[in-house]
Protein backbone atom coordinates (compact mmCIF):
# COMPACT_ATOMS: atom_id res chain seq x y z
CA UNK A 1 -15.52 -28.77 2.94
CA UNK A 2 -18.98 -29.64 4.18
CA UNK A 3 -20.41 -32.79 2.66
CA UNK A 4 -24.19 -32.74 2.80
CA UNK A 5 -25.10 -36.40 2.66
CA UNK A 6 -28.77 -35.91 3.39
CA UNK A 7 -31.47 -33.77 1.82
CA UNK A 8 -35.05 -33.04 2.75
CA UNK A 9 -37.10 -34.92 0.18
CA UNK A 10 -40.66 -34.16 -0.95
CA UNK A 11 -43.35 -36.14 0.80
CA UNK A 12 -45.15 -38.65 -1.40
CA UNK A 13 -48.72 -37.73 -2.27
CA UNK A 14 -47.98 -34.03 -1.95
CA UNK A 15 -48.66 -34.10 1.79
CA UNK A 16 -46.36 -32.62 4.43
CA UNK A 17 -46.05 -33.80 7.99
CA UNK A 18 -46.09 -31.78 11.20
CA UNK A 19 -43.87 -30.64 12.72
CA UNK A 20 -42.42 -29.19 9.55
CA UNK A 21 -39.01 -28.79 11.20
CA UNK A 22 -38.36 -30.77 14.37
CA UNK A 23 -35.77 -28.44 15.84
CA UNK A 24 -35.85 -25.89 18.66
CA UNK A 25 -36.86 -22.72 16.77
CA UNK A 26 -39.22 -20.80 19.03
CA UNK A 27 -40.95 -17.40 18.88
CA UNK A 28 -40.91 -17.60 15.14
CA UNK A 29 -41.47 -14.83 12.63
CA UNK A 30 -42.13 -15.94 9.07
CA UNK A 31 -42.50 -13.94 5.86
CA UNK A 32 -42.33 -14.29 2.10
CA UNK A 33 -40.32 -12.14 -0.29
CA UNK A 34 -41.27 -12.91 -3.91
CA UNK A 35 -41.08 -16.72 -4.11
CA UNK A 36 -38.88 -17.28 -1.07
CA UNK A 37 -39.89 -17.69 2.58
CA UNK A 38 -37.77 -16.61 5.55
CA UNK A 39 -37.93 -17.59 9.20
CA UNK A 40 -36.41 -16.11 12.37
CA UNK A 41 -36.34 -17.50 15.91
CA UNK A 42 -35.22 -16.81 19.47
CA UNK A 43 -31.75 -17.91 20.59
CA UNK A 44 -31.35 -16.39 24.06
CA UNK A 45 -27.65 -16.63 25.04
CA UNK A 46 -26.41 -18.49 21.94
CA UNK A 47 -24.10 -16.68 19.52
CA UNK A 48 -24.44 -15.69 16.73
CA UNK A 49 -28.10 -14.98 17.45
CA UNK A 50 -31.45 -14.88 15.67
CA UNK A 51 -30.98 -17.54 12.98
CA UNK A 52 -32.41 -16.95 9.52
CA UNK A 53 -33.83 -19.92 7.64
CA UNK A 54 -35.01 -20.12 4.04
CA UNK A 55 -37.64 -22.21 2.28
CA UNK A 56 -39.25 -22.35 -1.15
CA UNK A 57 -42.33 -24.34 -0.11
CA UNK A 58 -42.97 -23.39 3.58
CA UNK A 59 -42.16 -26.96 4.63
CA UNK A 60 -38.50 -27.71 3.87
CA UNK A 61 -36.16 -25.23 5.57
CA UNK A 62 -32.41 -24.57 5.56
CA UNK A 63 -30.25 -22.35 7.78
CA UNK A 64 -28.69 -19.45 5.86
CA UNK A 65 -27.36 -17.03 8.50
CA UNK A 66 -27.95 -14.99 11.65
CA UNK A 67 -29.31 -11.47 12.08
CA UNK A 68 -27.17 -10.74 15.16
CA UNK A 69 -23.51 -11.56 14.43
CA UNK A 70 -22.30 -11.08 18.01
CA UNK A 71 -24.03 -10.49 21.36
CA UNK A 72 -22.11 -7.36 22.31
CA UNK A 73 -24.47 -5.86 24.86
CA UNK A 74 -22.57 -6.82 28.01
CA UNK A 75 -19.39 -8.72 29.09
CA UNK A 76 -21.58 -11.46 30.58
CA UNK A 77 -22.40 -12.55 27.02
CA UNK A 78 -18.67 -13.40 26.86
CA UNK A 79 -19.00 -15.42 30.10
CA UNK A 80 -17.01 -12.64 31.76
CA UNK A 81 -18.10 -11.57 35.24
CA UNK A 82 -21.20 -13.71 35.03
CA UNK A 83 -23.34 -15.34 32.38
CA UNK A 84 -26.36 -14.53 30.22
CA UNK A 85 -28.25 -17.81 30.41
CA UNK A 86 -31.95 -17.31 29.49
CA UNK A 87 -31.26 -13.67 28.61
CA UNK A 88 -30.42 -12.18 25.23
CA UNK A 89 -32.61 -12.72 22.17
CA UNK A 90 -36.26 -13.39 22.95
CA UNK A 91 -39.21 -12.98 20.57
CA UNK A 92 -38.10 -10.46 17.94
CA UNK A 93 -39.15 -9.42 14.46
CA UNK A 94 -37.85 -10.12 10.98
CA UNK A 95 -39.21 -7.99 8.16
CA UNK A 96 -38.59 -6.84 4.61
CA UNK A 97 -39.06 -3.36 3.16
CA UNK A 98 -39.58 -3.52 -0.62
CA UNK A 99 -38.99 0.17 -1.35
CA UNK A 100 -35.46 0.14 0.09
CA UNK A 101 -34.87 -3.58 -0.60
CA UNK A 102 -33.72 -4.06 3.00
CA UNK A 103 -34.31 -6.73 5.61
CA UNK A 104 -34.91 -5.56 9.19
CA UNK A 105 -34.44 -7.40 12.46
CA UNK A 106 -35.34 -5.88 15.82
CA UNK A 107 -35.42 -7.13 19.38
CA UNK A 108 -35.55 -5.98 22.97
CA UNK A 109 -32.66 -7.17 25.13
CA UNK A 110 -33.26 -7.77 28.83
CA UNK A 111 -36.40 -5.60 28.98
CA UNK A 112 -34.28 -2.50 28.41
CA UNK A 113 -33.27 -1.36 24.93
CA UNK A 114 -34.36 -2.36 21.45
CA UNK A 115 -31.70 -2.92 18.80
CA UNK A 116 -32.43 -2.77 15.09
CA UNK A 117 -30.25 -4.46 12.46
CA UNK A 118 -30.54 -4.32 8.67
CA UNK A 119 -29.12 -6.29 5.77
CA UNK A 120 -29.28 -6.05 1.97
CA UNK A 121 -30.12 -9.77 1.84
CA UNK A 122 -31.43 -12.30 4.34
CA UNK A 123 -28.03 -14.00 4.24
CA UNK A 124 -26.42 -10.73 5.36
CA UNK A 125 -24.20 -9.00 6.09
CA UNK A 126 -26.26 -7.79 9.06
CA UNK A 127 -25.35 -4.48 10.72
CA UNK A 128 -26.72 -2.85 13.86
CA UNK A 129 -28.19 0.45 12.75
CA UNK A 130 -29.85 1.90 15.84
CA UNK A 131 -30.65 1.43 19.51
CA UNK A 132 -33.97 2.64 20.90
CA UNK A 133 -34.06 3.48 24.61
CA UNK A 134 -37.24 1.52 25.27
CA UNK A 135 -38.27 -2.10 25.11
CA UNK A 136 -40.30 -3.39 22.17
CA UNK A 137 -41.15 -6.56 24.05
CA UNK A 138 -42.18 -9.48 21.79
CA UNK A 139 -42.29 -7.24 18.74
CA UNK A 140 -43.84 -7.62 15.29
CA UNK A 141 -43.05 -5.39 12.31
CA UNK A 142 -45.47 -4.17 9.66
CA UNK A 143 -44.35 -2.35 6.50
CA UNK A 144 -47.57 -0.76 5.28
CA UNK A 145 -48.67 -0.28 1.69
CA UNK A 146 -47.56 3.38 1.86
CA UNK A 147 -44.08 2.31 3.13
CA UNK A 148 -44.73 3.48 6.68
CA UNK A 149 -43.34 1.14 9.29
CA UNK A 150 -45.03 0.12 12.54
CA UNK A 151 -44.06 -2.15 15.42
CA UNK A 152 -46.61 -3.89 17.65
CA UNK A 153 -45.30 -4.98 21.04
CA UNK A 154 -46.03 -5.47 24.72
CA UNK A 155 -47.36 -7.82 27.37
CA UNK A 156 -51.10 -7.69 28.19
CA UNK A 157 -51.18 -4.02 27.17
CA UNK A 158 -50.32 -4.03 23.47
CA UNK A 159 -48.73 -0.92 21.97
CA UNK A 160 -48.00 0.23 18.43
CA UNK A 161 -44.98 2.40 17.58
CA UNK A 162 -44.72 4.32 14.32
CA UNK A 163 -41.15 4.42 13.07
CA UNK A 164 -39.18 7.15 11.33
CA UNK A 165 -38.95 7.07 7.52
CA UNK A 166 -35.75 5.02 7.70
CA UNK A 167 -37.33 2.59 10.18
CA UNK A 168 -34.63 3.15 12.78
CA UNK A 169 -36.22 5.55 15.27
CA UNK A 170 -39.54 5.91 17.06
CA UNK A 171 -41.87 8.72 15.98
CA UNK A 172 -44.79 7.94 18.28
CA UNK A 173 -46.15 5.09 20.35
CA UNK A 174 -49.38 4.38 22.16
CA UNK A 175 -51.24 1.56 23.85
CA UNK A 176 -53.82 0.25 21.38
CA UNK A 177 -55.33 -2.69 23.28
CA UNK A 178 -55.66 -3.84 26.88
CA UNK A 179 -56.33 -7.51 27.38
CA UNK A 180 -59.64 -8.23 29.12
CA UNK A 181 -59.53 -9.97 32.47
CA UNK A 182 -61.15 -13.13 31.12
CA UNK A 183 -58.20 -13.50 28.69
CA UNK A 184 -55.33 -12.27 30.85
CA UNK A 185 -51.73 -12.25 29.68
CA UNK A 186 -51.13 -11.79 25.96
CA UNK A 187 -47.81 -11.26 24.18
CA UNK A 188 -45.84 -12.39 21.11
CA UNK A 189 -47.14 -9.71 18.73
CA UNK A 190 -47.07 -10.19 14.97
CA UNK A 191 -48.43 -7.37 12.77
CA UNK A 192 -50.23 -7.73 9.40
CA UNK A 193 -52.50 -5.97 6.94
CA UNK A 194 -55.13 -7.74 4.85
CA UNK A 195 -57.77 -6.14 2.62
CA UNK A 196 -57.39 -2.75 4.28
CA UNK A 197 -57.61 -4.02 7.88
CA UNK A 198 -54.81 -4.26 10.43
CA UNK A 199 -54.23 -7.43 12.44
CA UNK A 200 -52.09 -8.07 15.49
CA UNK A 201 -51.62 -11.74 16.33
CA UNK A 202 -50.99 -12.30 20.05
CA UNK A 203 -50.55 -15.43 22.13
CA UNK A 204 -51.93 -16.32 25.52
CA UNK A 205 -49.17 -18.62 26.75
CA UNK A 206 -48.90 -21.52 26.74
CA UNK A 207 -51.79 -22.71 24.58
CA UNK A 208 -53.91 -20.06 22.83
CA UNK A 209 -53.67 -17.52 20.04
CA UNK A 210 -55.84 -14.43 19.55
CA UNK A 211 -56.25 -11.99 16.68
CA UNK A 212 -56.81 -8.25 17.08
CA UNK A 213 -58.43 -6.41 14.14
CA UNK A 214 -58.77 -2.69 13.40
CA UNK A 215 -59.24 -0.20 10.56
CA UNK A 216 -56.15 1.78 11.64
CA UNK A 217 -52.73 0.77 13.01
CA UNK A 218 -53.61 2.59 16.23
CA UNK A 219 -57.03 0.97 16.66
CA UNK A 220 -59.51 0.59 18.14
CA UNK A 221 -59.04 -3.18 17.98
CA UNK A 222 -61.50 -6.00 18.46
CA UNK A 223 -60.40 -9.46 19.60
CA UNK A 224 -61.25 -12.97 18.46
CA UNK A 225 -59.71 -16.33 19.33
CA UNK A 226 -57.77 -18.13 16.59
CA UNK A 227 -56.83 -21.34 18.42
CA UNK A 228 -57.36 -22.30 22.04
CA UNK A 229 -55.92 -25.49 23.53
CA UNK A 230 -56.17 -27.23 20.20
CA UNK A 231 -54.63 -30.73 20.36
CA UNK A 232 -51.12 -30.96 18.94
CA UNK A 233 -50.09 -33.25 16.09
CA UNK A 234 -47.22 -34.50 18.27
CA UNK A 235 -48.23 -36.78 21.13
CA UNK A 236 -47.30 -35.44 24.55
CA UNK A 237 -46.53 -31.89 23.39
CA UNK A 238 -48.29 -28.62 24.16
CA UNK A 239 -50.93 -26.89 22.06
CA UNK A 240 -49.89 -24.89 18.97
CA UNK A 241 -49.61 -21.16 19.70
CA UNK A 242 -47.46 -18.01 19.25
CA UNK A 243 -46.86 -17.95 15.54
CA UNK A 244 -47.05 -16.00 12.35
CA UNK A 245 -49.17 -15.62 9.24
CA UNK A 246 -47.85 -15.94 5.71
CA UNK A 247 -49.31 -16.06 2.21
CA UNK A 248 -48.14 -18.07 -0.78
CA UNK A 249 -47.56 -16.61 -4.26
CA UNK A 250 -50.89 -18.15 -5.30
CA UNK A 251 -52.75 -16.29 -2.54
CA UNK A 252 -53.25 -19.14 -0.06
CA UNK A 253 -52.74 -18.34 3.64
CA UNK A 254 -50.97 -20.36 6.31
CA UNK A 255 -50.40 -20.03 10.03
CA UNK A 256 -47.15 -21.33 11.50
CA UNK A 257 -47.07 -21.79 15.26
CA UNK A 258 -44.84 -23.67 17.68
CA UNK A 259 -45.53 -26.45 20.15
CA UNK A 260 -43.83 -26.97 23.49
CA UNK A 261 -42.09 -30.27 22.82
CA UNK A 262 -39.58 -30.59 25.64
CA UNK A 263 -36.95 -31.85 26.13
CA UNK A 264 -36.29 -30.88 22.50
CA UNK A 265 -37.68 -27.37 22.86
CA UNK A 266 -40.31 -25.48 20.87
CA UNK A 267 -40.79 -26.65 17.30
CA UNK A 268 -42.86 -25.27 14.38
CA UNK A 269 -46.11 -26.68 13.00
CA UNK A 270 -47.99 -25.43 9.95
CA UNK A 271 -51.68 -25.31 8.97
CA UNK A 272 -53.74 -23.59 6.24
CA UNK A 273 -55.93 -20.60 7.06
CA UNK A 274 -59.17 -19.30 5.58
CA UNK A 275 -60.79 -15.88 6.01
CA UNK A 276 -64.33 -15.54 7.29
CA UNK A 277 -67.05 -13.08 6.34
CA UNK A 278 -66.23 -11.14 9.53
CA UNK A 279 -62.69 -10.53 8.27
CA UNK A 280 -61.04 -12.82 10.82
CA UNK A 281 -58.87 -15.82 9.93
CA UNK A 282 -59.67 -19.43 10.86
CA UNK A 283 -57.15 -22.27 11.11
CA UNK A 284 -58.19 -25.37 9.21
CA UNK A 285 -58.27 -28.01 11.94
CA UNK A 286 -60.30 -31.11 11.01
CA UNK A 287 -62.09 -32.54 14.03
CA UNK A 288 -60.88 -29.53 16.07
CA UNK A 289 -57.35 -30.92 15.97
CA UNK A 290 -54.22 -29.56 14.35
CA UNK A 291 -53.69 -32.19 11.66
CA UNK A 292 -50.59 -34.35 11.50
CA UNK A 293 -50.45 -33.71 7.74
CA UNK A 294 -51.86 -31.28 5.18
CA UNK A 295 -51.49 -30.79 1.41
CA UNK A 296 -48.29 -29.01 0.40
CA UNK A 297 -48.68 -25.22 0.01
CA UNK A 298 -47.02 -25.51 -3.41
CA UNK A 299 -44.61 -27.70 -5.33
CA UNK A 300 -42.20 -29.32 -2.83
CA UNK A 301 -38.59 -28.27 -3.18
CA UNK A 302 -35.64 -29.92 -1.48
CA UNK A 303 -33.11 -27.83 0.44
CA UNK A 304 -29.90 -28.54 2.31
CA UNK A 305 -30.55 -30.52 5.46
CA UNK A 306 -29.08 -30.05 8.92
CA UNK A 307 -28.17 -33.72 8.79
CA UNK A 308 -24.87 -34.85 7.36
CA UNK A 309 -21.12 -34.64 7.81
CA UNK A 310 -18.99 -31.60 8.65
CA UNK A 311 -15.21 -31.70 8.30
CA UNK A 312 -14.55 -28.02 9.07
CA UNK A 313 -12.50 -27.29 5.97
CA UNK A 314 -14.19 -23.94 5.31
CA UNK A 315 -12.77 -20.76 6.92
CA UNK A 316 -16.05 -20.08 8.75
CA UNK A 317 -18.67 -22.15 10.52
CA UNK A 318 -21.91 -22.93 8.75
CA UNK A 319 -25.16 -21.27 9.87
CA UNK A 320 -26.36 -24.41 11.68
CA UNK A 321 -23.80 -23.75 14.43
CA UNK A 322 -24.09 -21.47 17.47
CA UNK A 323 -21.71 -20.99 20.40
CA UNK A 324 -22.79 -21.08 24.02
CA UNK A 325 -22.27 -17.32 24.60
CA UNK A 326 -19.78 -15.40 22.46
CA UNK A 327 -16.60 -17.33 21.70
CA UNK A 328 -13.02 -16.23 22.27
CA UNK A 329 -12.09 -16.08 18.59
CA UNK A 330 -8.38 -16.45 19.39
CA UNK A 331 -9.00 -19.90 20.85
CA UNK A 332 -10.39 -21.79 17.88
CA UNK A 333 -9.40 -22.35 14.26
CA UNK A 334 -10.97 -23.82 11.13
CA UNK A 335 -9.67 -25.19 7.87
CA UNK A 336 -8.10 -28.47 8.92
CA UNK A 337 -10.77 -29.67 11.29
CA UNK A 338 -12.11 -27.62 14.20
CA UNK A 339 -9.25 -26.81 16.58
CA UNK A 340 -10.49 -25.96 20.07
CA UNK A 341 -7.83 -24.52 22.36
CA UNK A 342 -8.73 -24.33 26.03
CA UNK A 343 -10.23 -20.88 26.63
CA UNK A 344 -11.27 -21.27 30.27
CA UNK A 345 -9.79 -22.78 33.41
CA UNK A 346 -12.76 -24.10 35.38
CA UNK A 347 -14.44 -27.19 36.79
CA UNK A 348 -17.78 -25.96 35.45
CA UNK A 349 -19.07 -26.84 31.98
CA UNK A 350 -21.47 -23.88 32.13
CA UNK A 351 -18.57 -21.47 32.63
CA UNK A 352 -16.43 -22.88 29.82
CA UNK A 353 -16.08 -20.63 26.78
CA UNK A 354 -16.01 -21.87 23.19
CA UNK A 355 -18.59 -24.60 23.64
CA UNK A 356 -20.06 -25.11 20.17
CA UNK A 357 -23.66 -26.29 19.79
CA UNK A 358 -26.04 -27.82 17.28
CA UNK A 359 -29.78 -28.31 17.65
CA UNK A 360 -30.95 -31.87 18.15
CA UNK A 361 -33.15 -33.05 15.29
CA UNK A 362 -36.31 -34.82 16.41
CA UNK A 363 -37.77 -37.15 17.10
CA UNK A 364 -34.43 -38.96 17.51
CA UNK A 365 -30.96 -38.15 16.27
CA UNK A 366 -27.31 -38.69 17.12
CA UNK A 367 -24.15 -36.63 17.01
CA UNK A 368 -20.78 -38.25 16.41
CA UNK A 369 -17.36 -36.60 16.57
CA UNK A 370 -13.92 -37.84 15.63
CA UNK A 371 -11.68 -36.28 18.26
CA UNK A 372 -7.90 -35.89 18.05
CA UNK A 373 -6.84 -35.44 21.69
CA UNK A 374 -3.03 -35.62 21.43
CA UNK A 375 -2.70 -31.94 22.29
CA UNK A 376 -4.53 -32.15 25.62
CA UNK A 377 -2.78 -31.03 28.79
CA UNK A 378 -3.10 -32.45 32.27
CA UNK A 379 -6.50 -31.60 33.73
CA UNK A 380 -8.22 -30.98 30.38
CA UNK A 381 -11.71 -32.24 29.53
CA UNK A 382 -13.03 -32.40 25.97
CA UNK A 383 -15.98 -34.10 24.38
CA UNK A 384 -19.64 -34.08 23.51
CA UNK A 385 -22.45 -32.94 25.82
CA UNK A 386 -26.21 -32.82 26.11
CA UNK A 387 -26.46 -29.17 27.09
CA UNK A 388 -29.27 -27.52 29.01
CA UNK A 389 -29.92 -26.58 32.65
CA UNK A 390 -29.47 -30.27 33.49
CA UNK A 391 -26.57 -31.66 31.47
CA UNK A 392 -24.35 -34.67 30.89
CA UNK A 393 -21.35 -35.48 28.69
CA UNK A 394 -19.04 -38.10 27.27
CA UNK A 395 -15.46 -37.04 26.74
CA UNK A 396 -11.76 -37.49 27.15
CA UNK A 397 -10.29 -36.63 30.54
CA UNK A 398 -6.57 -36.34 31.15
CA UNK A 399 -5.29 -36.48 34.72
CA UNK A 400 -1.81 -37.28 35.99
CA UNK A 401 -0.78 -38.65 32.63
CA UNK A 402 -3.74 -41.05 32.49
CA UNK A 403 -6.23 -40.59 29.67
CA UNK A 404 -9.75 -41.97 30.02
CA UNK A 405 -13.08 -41.81 28.22
CA UNK A 406 -15.53 -40.62 30.86
CA UNK A 407 -19.31 -40.17 31.16
CA UNK A 408 -20.45 -37.45 33.57
CA UNK A 409 -24.04 -36.90 34.72
CA UNK A 410 -25.68 -34.48 37.14
CA UNK A 411 -24.46 -31.08 35.93
CA UNK A 412 -27.22 -28.81 37.20
CA UNK A 413 -28.29 -25.16 37.32
CA UNK A 414 -30.53 -23.63 39.98
CA UNK A 415 -33.58 -21.48 39.22
CA UNK A 416 -31.35 -18.39 38.87
CA UNK A 417 -29.31 -20.17 36.16
CA UNK A 418 -26.28 -20.47 38.43
CA UNK A 419 -24.32 -23.70 38.56
CA UNK A 420 -25.63 -25.81 41.44
CA UNK A 421 -23.84 -29.11 40.69
CA UNK A 422 -20.78 -29.74 38.53
CA UNK A 423 -21.62 -33.37 37.94
CA UNK A 424 -20.08 -36.70 38.87
CA UNK A 425 -18.43 -39.54 37.00
CA UNK A 426 -20.75 -42.38 36.03
CA UNK A 427 -18.30 -44.67 34.25
CA UNK A 428 -14.86 -44.44 32.68
CA UNK A 429 -12.44 -46.57 30.68
CA UNK A 430 -8.75 -45.97 29.95
CA UNK A 431 -7.80 -45.16 26.39
CA UNK A 432 -4.56 -45.05 24.42
CA UNK A 433 -3.52 -43.46 21.15
CA UNK A 434 -4.52 -40.00 20.06
CA UNK A 435 -7.94 -40.37 18.44
CA UNK A 436 -11.35 -41.42 19.71
CA UNK A 437 -14.87 -41.35 18.27
CA UNK A 438 -17.62 -40.17 20.61
CA UNK A 439 -21.35 -40.55 20.01
CA UNK A 440 -24.41 -39.18 21.74
CA UNK A 441 -27.86 -40.45 20.71
CA UNK A 442 -30.85 -38.41 21.91
CA UNK A 443 -34.56 -39.23 22.00
CA UNK A 444 -36.46 -35.93 22.34
CA UNK A 445 -40.00 -37.23 21.87
CA UNK A 446 -42.24 -35.65 24.51
CA UNK A 447 -43.46 -38.22 26.97
CA UNK A 448 -41.07 -40.90 25.72
CA UNK A 449 -37.98 -42.15 27.51
CA UNK A 450 -36.09 -38.88 26.82
CA UNK A 451 -32.83 -40.79 26.99
CA UNK A 452 -29.36 -39.71 26.01
CA UNK A 453 -27.16 -42.72 25.20
CA UNK A 454 -23.35 -42.35 25.23
CA UNK A 455 -20.91 -44.53 23.31
CA UNK A 456 -17.34 -44.47 22.06
CA UNK A 457 -15.12 -46.17 19.50
CA UNK A 458 -11.37 -46.47 19.05
CA UNK A 459 -11.55 -47.21 15.33
CA UNK A 460 -14.76 -45.51 14.13
CA UNK A 461 -16.40 -48.86 13.42
CA UNK A 462 -16.90 -50.87 16.63
CA UNK A 463 -18.93 -49.03 19.26
CA UNK A 464 -19.19 -49.49 23.04
CA UNK A 465 -21.93 -48.00 25.20
CA UNK A 466 -20.57 -46.22 28.28
CA UNK A 467 -22.50 -45.33 31.41
CA UNK A 468 -26.24 -45.49 32.01
CA UNK A 469 -28.71 -43.49 29.92
CA UNK A 470 -29.14 -39.86 30.88
CA UNK A 471 -32.78 -38.79 31.24
CA UNK A 472 -33.38 -35.29 29.88
CA UNK A 473 -35.64 -32.93 31.82
CA UNK A 474 -38.84 -31.50 30.38
CA UNK A 475 -39.36 -28.35 32.47
CA UNK A 476 -40.05 -25.33 30.26
CA UNK A 477 -38.42 -22.63 32.39
CA UNK A 478 -35.04 -22.70 30.62
CA UNK A 479 -37.04 -22.13 27.41
CA UNK A 480 -34.38 -23.51 25.06
CA UNK A 481 -34.32 -27.22 24.33
CA UNK A 482 -31.39 -29.60 24.71
CA UNK A 483 -28.52 -29.28 22.26
CA UNK A 484 -25.51 -31.31 21.24
CA UNK A 485 -22.43 -29.42 22.39
CA UNK A 486 -18.72 -29.85 21.62
CA UNK A 487 -16.46 -28.58 24.42
CA UNK A 488 -12.86 -28.32 25.60
CA UNK A 489 -11.85 -26.73 28.89
CA UNK A 490 -8.97 -26.81 31.32
CA UNK A 491 -9.14 -27.51 35.03
CA UNK A 492 -5.46 -26.77 35.71
CA UNK A 493 -3.60 -24.78 33.06
CA UNK A 494 -4.46 -23.31 29.67
CA UNK A 495 -2.60 -24.24 26.53
CA UNK A 496 -4.08 -27.58 25.58
CA UNK A 497 -6.05 -28.24 22.43
CA UNK A 498 -8.11 -30.84 20.63
CA UNK A 499 -9.13 -31.14 16.99
CA UNK A 500 -12.56 -32.25 15.88
CA UNK A 501 -11.80 -33.93 12.55
CA UNK A 502 -15.37 -34.82 11.77
CA UNK A 503 -18.87 -34.13 13.06
CA UNK A 504 -21.89 -36.10 11.88
CA UNK A 505 -25.53 -35.45 12.69
CA UNK A 506 -27.68 -38.43 11.84
CA UNK A 507 -31.13 -39.96 12.34
CA UNK A 508 -31.88 -43.64 12.97
């Protein structure tokens, strides 16, 4: 049973604060169906992919599922014969078709093929319905008033594809806009219709957003800037860009973008929009800054928070969880805690299957696990990591009959996402018994100390810091932000196991 001890509460004075959700949820697509809002984001190599979130006020969001149940495009997504780090699900679309009462998700995988999934509800079940032998790169879906479906996509040269009546095949496609030289690269298409005109929102990474407007889906389009290097509401982060447009039931319009806020990743910010006499939208930015707070779009409504306690009594994992690559389903069990059996024999954390992750909640949060390690075998390592292209962990290490709590730093990837360093021990202490509590506190404020602090307890009450703080990196190239990660792998023989009795995600 999952005990949700925390809830997102309405902000006093009917104001909301940016970011609306301080978690790594990039390349967002946002839409409203009746009185409910839905949100989709990139997940790269994490499985299941393309999370779906739900809100009733555009500010408070909860995870409700994933559009891509398994990344079954290649064995490397199983960490077999290689890996898929920084591949997989990039900017994709989430849409709803009223006439058929179906949700659609579509995305291009590795610049090759586009896969389209549908579901009768945003919570699923999601099913892959078609594969198109071309890449709808950074795609946005429009379901027109006459039920025709179009997809805008591309990089610098923006194309529009008209889909078949069922929305699963391409009928025609053509380039509708070529970015002028003074603008350069544009991508991240989102497709809309407003008062008879068609709009394609595109981003100029990493800090500008443009709007293309036309009288027909296939153009010709004219371009106007929406935001350009506008200061962020979060100190030290990048400018808001690459987002989506959404309207409330009362007819108000909002633009949701993301900010580069590493080491935590790319997080969403929200601002109201007005429409000018020229038919183009304008973001409401007092003093030419994206405000730290705005009036609520409607009555605030609390939803289930990512914070709280998980005891893994349900037969399936909740939608807040994602594995690092596809898991070996024969090597974990739920119902009486999370049982992780060693699935990989390796010295490399990045090669270890069945590493389970949760997004860090900003600006600061901690993850705590109660770990039963009695079933470990010689050579096993199990614990809690800060996972990215530069990683560190605290865990239990069993060698030659000796069991220790260990902190390891310096686990590094190179620029091809291959393991360059497997890390080294920073500090260790011997431990007895069969249970230990491990805690990892992370500060993901951009420009702050960016520290990960490791501690352990033998009774769940008295805590001891172990090792020096780990400084998280802020380079954007890995795209995804740091995550908390629970792992168990063997260095000698398979067959060992640990049980995570309790996981708690908390804020100071």
